[in-house]
Amino acid sequence: MSNFEKKAQNLNQLIDKLNSMSLSYSQPSYEIEKIKTEKNQLANKKREIEKQNQELMREHKYLKEKIQKLQIEVNKKSELESRFNQEIEDLSQETESLVSEIDKWQM
């Protein structure tokens, strides 16, 4: 083998090594891009979830306040109903008392 052929063979081997190195270095670049894309997707999903969470928290607060107002209203109505029932009871007793008095006078 001549010196020229040996140098050509070494050069071909070196080219093959460089090609394999460039391929191996290009893969991490692709994976880095893939990881960046996934990171961006996850960040977008996180923002979306945080936005939904804020909306749910606002809705929860609104519903909680509405329930409190309804509870106050129910308590007021219950109190009014109790007073009304008490007044009916009082009137009933008065009526019985009056009927009893009328009966006494008629006898």
N, C-alpha and C. Protein backbone atom coordinates (compact mmCIF):
# COMPACT_ATOMS: atom_id res chain seq x y z
N MET A 1 0.84 -1.16 0.00
CA MET A 1 0.00 0.00 0.00
C MET A 1 0.89 1.23 0.00
N SER A 2 0.57 2.11 -0.90
CA SER A 2 1.40 3.30 -1.02
C SER A 2 1.01 4.29 0.06
N ASN A 3 1.86 5.21 0.25
CA ASN A 3 1.66 6.27 1.22
C ASN A 3 0.39 7.06 0.89
N PHE A 4 0.18 7.27 -0.37
CA PHE A 4 -0.99 7.99 -0.84
C PHE A 4 -2.27 7.23 -0.50
N GLU A 5 -2.31 5.93 -0.73
CA GLU A 5 -3.47 5.10 -0.43
C GLU A 5 -3.73 5.05 1.08
N LYS A 6 -2.63 4.99 1.84
CA LYS A 6 -2.76 4.97 3.28
C LYS A 6 -3.37 6.27 3.78
N LYS A 7 -2.91 7.40 3.23
CA LYS A 7 -3.45 8.69 3.61
C LYS A 7 -4.91 8.80 3.18
N ALA A 8 -5.27 8.29 2.02
CA ALA A 8 -6.65 8.32 1.54
C ALA A 8 -7.54 7.49 2.46
N GLN A 9 -7.04 6.33 2.87
CA GLN A 9 -7.79 5.47 3.76
C GLN A 9 -7.99 6.15 5.12
N ASN A 10 -6.92 6.75 5.65
CA ASN A 10 -7.02 7.48 6.92
C ASN A 10 -8.00 8.65 6.80
N LEU A 11 -7.94 9.33 5.66
CA LEU A 11 -8.85 10.44 5.43
C LEU A 11 -10.30 9.95 5.38
N ASN A 12 -10.54 8.84 4.70
CA ASN A 12 -11.89 8.27 4.65
C ASN A 12 -12.38 7.87 6.04
N GLN A 13 -11.49 7.29 6.83
CA GLN A 13 -11.85 6.91 8.19
C GLN A 13 -12.19 8.15 9.03
N LEU A 14 -11.37 9.18 8.84
CA LEU A 14 -11.61 10.42 9.56
C LEU A 14 -12.94 11.04 9.15
N ILE A 15 -13.27 11.00 7.87
CA ILE A 15 -14.55 11.52 7.37
C ILE A 15 -15.71 10.72 7.98
N ASP A 16 -15.55 9.40 8.01
CA ASP A 16 -16.59 8.56 8.61
C ASP A 16 -16.79 8.90 10.09
N LYS A 17 -15.67 9.10 10.80
CA LYS A 17 -15.76 9.46 12.22
C LYS A 17 -16.44 10.81 12.40
N LEU A 18 -16.08 11.76 11.53
CA LEU A 18 -16.70 13.08 11.61
C LEU A 18 -18.20 13.00 11.32
N ASN A 19 -18.57 12.19 10.34
CA ASN A 19 -19.99 12.02 10.03
C ASN A 19 -20.74 11.41 11.21
N SER A 20 -20.16 10.39 11.82
CA SER A 20 -20.83 9.76 12.96
C SER A 20 -20.89 10.72 14.14
N MET A 21 -19.87 11.56 14.33
CA MET A 21 -19.88 12.55 15.41
C MET A 21 -20.93 13.61 15.15
N SER A 22 -21.04 14.07 13.93
CA SER A 22 -22.02 15.11 13.63
C SER A 22 -23.44 14.56 13.80
N LEU A 23 -23.64 13.29 13.46
CA LEU A 23 -24.95 12.67 13.68
C LEU A 23 -25.25 12.55 15.17
N SER A 24 -24.26 12.16 15.94
CA SER A 24 -24.48 12.01 17.37
C SER A 24 -24.72 13.37 18.03
N TYR A 25 -24.12 14.41 17.53
CA TYR A 25 -24.35 15.74 18.09
C TYR A 25 -25.66 16.34 17.61
N SER A 26 -26.13 15.94 16.47
CA SER A 26 -27.39 16.48 15.98
C SER A 26 -28.58 15.88 16.73
N GLN A 27 -28.45 14.67 17.21
CA GLN A 27 -29.54 14.06 17.95
C GLN A 27 -29.83 14.81 19.25
N PRO A 28 -28.84 15.13 20.05
CA PRO A 28 -29.16 15.90 21.25
C PRO A 28 -29.81 17.24 20.91
N SER A 29 -29.40 17.84 19.80
CA SER A 29 -30.03 19.10 19.40
C SER A 29 -31.51 18.88 19.13
N TYR A 30 -31.82 17.78 18.46
CA TYR A 30 -33.21 17.45 18.19
C TYR A 30 -33.94 17.19 19.51
N GLU A 31 -33.30 16.45 20.40
CA GLU A 31 -33.92 16.15 21.68
C GLU A 31 -34.09 17.40 22.52
N ILE A 32 -33.12 18.31 22.42
CA ILE A 32 -33.24 19.58 23.14
C ILE A 32 -34.46 20.34 22.63
N GLU A 33 -34.64 20.37 21.32
CA GLU A 33 -35.81 21.05 20.75
C GLU A 33 -37.09 20.36 21.20
N LYS A 34 -37.06 19.04 21.23
CA LYS A 34 -38.22 18.28 21.67
C LYS A 34 -38.54 18.60 23.14
N ILE A 35 -37.50 18.66 23.95
CA ILE A 35 -37.67 18.98 25.37
C ILE A 35 -38.21 20.40 25.52
N LYS A 36 -37.68 21.34 24.74
CA LYS A 36 -38.17 22.72 24.79
C LYS A 36 -39.64 22.79 24.40
N THR A 37 -39.99 22.05 23.37
CA THR A 37 -41.39 22.02 22.93
C THR A 37 -42.29 21.47 24.02
N GLU A 38 -41.86 20.36 24.64
CA GLU A 38 -42.64 19.78 25.72
C GLU A 38 -42.74 20.74 26.91
N LYS A 39 -41.63 21.43 27.19
CA LYS A 39 -41.63 22.41 28.28
C LYS A 39 -42.63 23.52 28.00
N ASN A 40 -42.65 24.02 26.77
CA ASN A 40 -43.59 25.07 26.40
C ASN A 40 -45.03 24.58 26.49
N GLN A 41 -45.25 23.34 26.05
CA GLN A 41 -46.59 22.77 26.14
C GLN A 41 -47.03 22.65 27.59
N LEU A 42 -46.12 22.20 28.45
CA LEU A 42 -46.44 22.07 29.87
C LEU A 42 -46.69 23.44 30.50
N ALA A 43 -45.90 24.44 30.11
CA ALA A 43 -46.09 25.79 30.64
C ALA A 43 -47.45 26.34 30.21
N ASN A 44 -47.82 26.09 28.94
CA ASN A 44 -49.13 26.53 28.47
C ASN A 44 -50.26 25.83 29.22
N LYS A 45 -50.10 24.54 29.44
CA LYS A 45 -51.10 23.76 30.17
C LYS A 45 -51.21 24.28 31.60
N LYS A 46 -50.06 24.60 32.21
CA LYS A 46 -50.06 25.12 33.57
C LYS A 46 -50.82 26.44 33.63
N ARG A 47 -50.55 27.35 32.68
CA ARG A 47 -51.26 28.63 32.66
C ARG A 47 -52.77 28.41 32.48
N GLU A 48 -53.11 27.47 31.63
CA GLU A 48 -54.52 27.15 31.38
C GLU A 48 -55.18 26.64 32.67
N ILE A 49 -54.50 25.74 33.36
CA ILE A 49 -55.04 25.18 34.60
C ILE A 49 -55.14 26.26 35.67
N GLU A 50 -54.13 27.13 35.76
CA GLU A 50 -54.17 28.21 36.74
C GLU A 50 -55.34 29.16 36.45
N LYS A 51 -55.58 29.43 35.17
CA LYS A 51 -56.70 30.29 34.79
C LYS A 51 -58.02 29.63 35.18
N GLN A 52 -58.16 28.33 34.90
CA GLN A 52 -59.37 27.61 35.28
C GLN A 52 -59.54 27.60 36.79
N ASN A 53 -58.44 27.44 37.50
CA ASN A 53 -58.48 27.45 38.96
C ASN A 53 -58.97 28.79 39.48
N GLN A 54 -58.47 29.89 38.91
CA GLN A 54 -58.92 31.22 39.32
C GLN A 54 -60.41 31.40 39.05
N GLU A 55 -60.87 30.93 37.90
CA GLU A 55 -62.29 31.03 37.58
C GLU A 55 -63.12 30.22 38.57
N LEU A 56 -62.65 29.02 38.90
CA LEU A 56 -63.36 28.20 39.87
C LEU A 56 -63.37 28.84 41.25
N MET A 57 -62.27 29.47 41.63
CA MET A 57 -62.20 30.14 42.93
C MET A 57 -63.18 31.31 42.97
N ARG A 58 -63.25 32.09 41.88
CA ARG A 58 -64.22 33.19 41.82
C ARG A 58 -65.65 32.66 41.92
N GLU A 59 -65.93 31.60 41.18
CA GLU A 59 -67.26 31.00 41.21
C GLU A 59 -67.57 30.46 42.60
N HIS A 60 -66.59 29.83 43.24
CA HIS A 60 -66.77 29.31 44.59
C HIS A 60 -67.11 30.44 45.56
N LYS A 61 -66.37 31.54 45.46
CA LYS A 61 -66.62 32.69 46.33
C LYS A 61 -68.02 33.24 46.11
N TYR A 62 -68.40 33.38 44.83
CA TYR A 62 -69.73 33.88 44.50
C TYR A 62 -70.81 32.97 45.08
N LEU A 63 -70.66 31.66 44.87
CA LEU A 63 -71.66 30.71 45.35
C LEU A 63 -71.71 30.68 46.88
N LYS A 64 -70.56 30.81 47.51
CA LYS A 64 -70.50 30.81 48.97
C LYS A 64 -71.26 32.02 49.51
N GLU A 65 -71.03 33.19 48.90
CA GLU A 65 -71.75 34.40 49.33
C GLU A 65 -73.25 34.27 49.08
N LYS A 66 -73.60 33.67 47.95
CA LYS A 66 -75.02 33.48 47.64
C LYS A 66 -75.67 32.54 48.65
N ILE A 67 -74.96 31.48 49.03
CA ILE A 67 -75.49 30.55 50.03
C ILE A 67 -75.68 31.26 51.37
N GLN A 68 -74.73 32.11 51.74
CA GLN A 68 -74.84 32.85 53.00
C GLN A 68 -76.06 33.76 52.97
N LYS A 69 -76.27 34.45 51.84
CA LYS A 69 -77.44 35.33 51.72
C LYS A 69 -78.73 34.53 51.80
N LEU A 70 -78.75 33.38 51.12
CA LEU A 70 -79.95 32.53 51.17
C LEU A 70 -80.19 32.00 52.58
N GLN A 71 -79.12 31.67 53.28
CA GLN A 71 -79.27 31.18 54.65
C GLN A 71 -79.85 32.27 55.55
N ILE A 72 -79.38 33.49 55.37
CA ILE A 72 -79.93 34.62 56.15
C ILE A 72 -81.41 34.80 55.83
N GLU A 73 -81.75 34.71 54.55
CA GLU A 73 -83.14 34.86 54.13
C GLU A 73 -84.00 33.73 54.71
N VAL A 74 -83.49 32.50 54.69
CA VAL A 74 -84.23 31.38 55.27
C VAL A 74 -84.43 31.59 56.76
N ASN A 75 -83.41 32.07 57.44
CA ASN A 75 -83.52 32.33 58.88
C ASN A 75 -84.58 33.39 59.17
N LYS A 76 -84.59 34.44 58.36
CA LYS A 76 -85.59 35.50 58.53
C LYS A 76 -86.99 34.96 58.31
N LYS A 77 -87.16 34.17 57.25
CA LYS A 77 -88.48 33.60 56.96
C LYS A 77 -88.90 32.63 58.05
N SER A 78 -87.96 31.88 58.55
CA SER A 78 -88.27 30.96 59.63
C SER A 78 -88.71 31.72 60.88
N GLU A 79 -88.04 32.81 61.16
CA GLU A 79 -88.40 33.65 62.30
C GLU A 79 -89.79 34.24 62.11
N LEU A 80 -90.06 34.71 60.89
CA LEU A 80 -91.39 35.25 60.60
C LEU A 80 -92.47 34.18 60.74
N GLU A 81 -92.16 32.99 60.27
CA GLU A 81 -93.10 31.88 60.38
C GLU A 81 -93.37 31.55 61.85
N SER A 82 -92.33 31.56 62.66
CA SER A 82 -92.49 31.28 64.09
C SER A 82 -93.37 32.34 64.75
N ARG A 83 -93.11 33.59 64.41
CA ARG A 83 -93.93 34.68 64.96
C ARG A 83 -95.38 34.54 64.52
N PHE A 84 -95.56 34.23 63.24
CA PHE A 84 -96.90 34.06 62.69
C PHE A 84 -97.63 32.93 63.41
N ASN A 85 -96.94 31.80 63.59
CA ASN A 85 -97.55 30.67 64.30
C ASN A 85 -97.89 31.03 65.75
N GLN A 86 -97.02 31.81 66.37
CA GLN A 86 -97.27 32.24 67.75
C GLN A 86 -98.49 33.16 67.80
N GLU A 87 -98.61 34.05 66.85
CA GLU A 87 -99.76 34.95 66.80
C GLU A 87 -101.05 34.16 66.56
N ILE A 88 -100.98 33.16 65.70
CA ILE A 88 -102.15 32.31 65.46
C ILE A 88 -102.54 31.59 66.75
N GLU A 89 -101.54 31.09 67.44
CA GLU A 89 -101.79 30.40 68.71
C GLU A 89 -102.41 31.36 69.72
N ASP A 90 -101.87 32.57 69.80
CA ASP A 90 -102.41 33.58 70.72
C ASP A 90 -103.86 33.91 70.35
N LEU A 91 -104.11 34.10 69.07
CA LEU A 91 -105.48 34.40 68.63
C LEU A 91 -106.42 33.23 68.91
N SER A 92 -105.93 32.07 68.73
CA SER A 92 -106.74 30.88 69.01
C SER A 92 -107.12 30.83 70.49
N GLN A 93 -106.15 31.10 71.34
CA GLN A 93 -106.42 31.10 72.78
C GLN A 93 -107.41 32.20 73.15
N GLU A 94 -107.23 33.37 72.55
CA GLU A 94 -108.16 34.48 72.81
C GLU A 94 -109.57 34.11 72.35
N THR A 95 -109.62 33.48 71.18
CA THR A 95 -110.93 33.08 70.66
C THR A 95 -111.59 32.08 71.59
N GLU A 96 -110.83 31.12 72.06
CA GLU A 96 -111.37 30.15 73.01
C GLU A 96 -111.84 30.84 74.29
N SER A 97 -111.05 31.78 74.71
CA SER A 97 -111.40 32.53 75.92
C SER A 97 -112.69 33.32 75.70
N LEU A 98 -112.82 33.95 74.58
CA LEU A 98 -114.02 34.72 74.26
C LEU A 98 -115.24 33.81 74.14
N VAL A 99 -115.06 32.69 73.49
CA VAL A 99 -116.16 31.72 73.35
C VAL A 99 -116.59 31.25 74.74
N SER A 100 -115.63 31.02 75.57
CA SER A 100 -115.91 30.58 76.94
C SER A 100 -116.69 31.67 77.69
N GLU A 101 -116.31 32.91 77.55
CA GLU A 101 -116.99 34.04 78.18
C GLU A 101 -118.41 34.17 77.65
N ILE A 102 -118.55 34.00 76.35
CA ILE A 102 -119.87 34.10 75.73
C ILE A 102 -120.77 32.99 76.28
N ASP A 103 -120.22 31.81 76.41
CA ASP A 103 -120.96 30.69 76.94
C ASP A 103 -121.42 30.97 78.39
N LYS A 104 -120.55 31.59 79.15
CA LYS A 104 -120.88 31.92 80.54
C LYS A 104 -122.06 32.91 80.59
N TRP A 105 -122.02 33.89 79.70
CA TRP A 105 -123.05 34.92 79.70
C TRP A 105 -124.39 34.36 79.20
N GLN A 106 -124.30 33.40 78.34
CA GLN A 106 -125.53 32.83 77.79
C GLN A 106 -126.19 31.91 78.81
N MET A 107 -125.52 31.39 79.72
CA MET A 107 -126.10 30.47 80.70
C MET A 107 -126.71 31.18 81.81
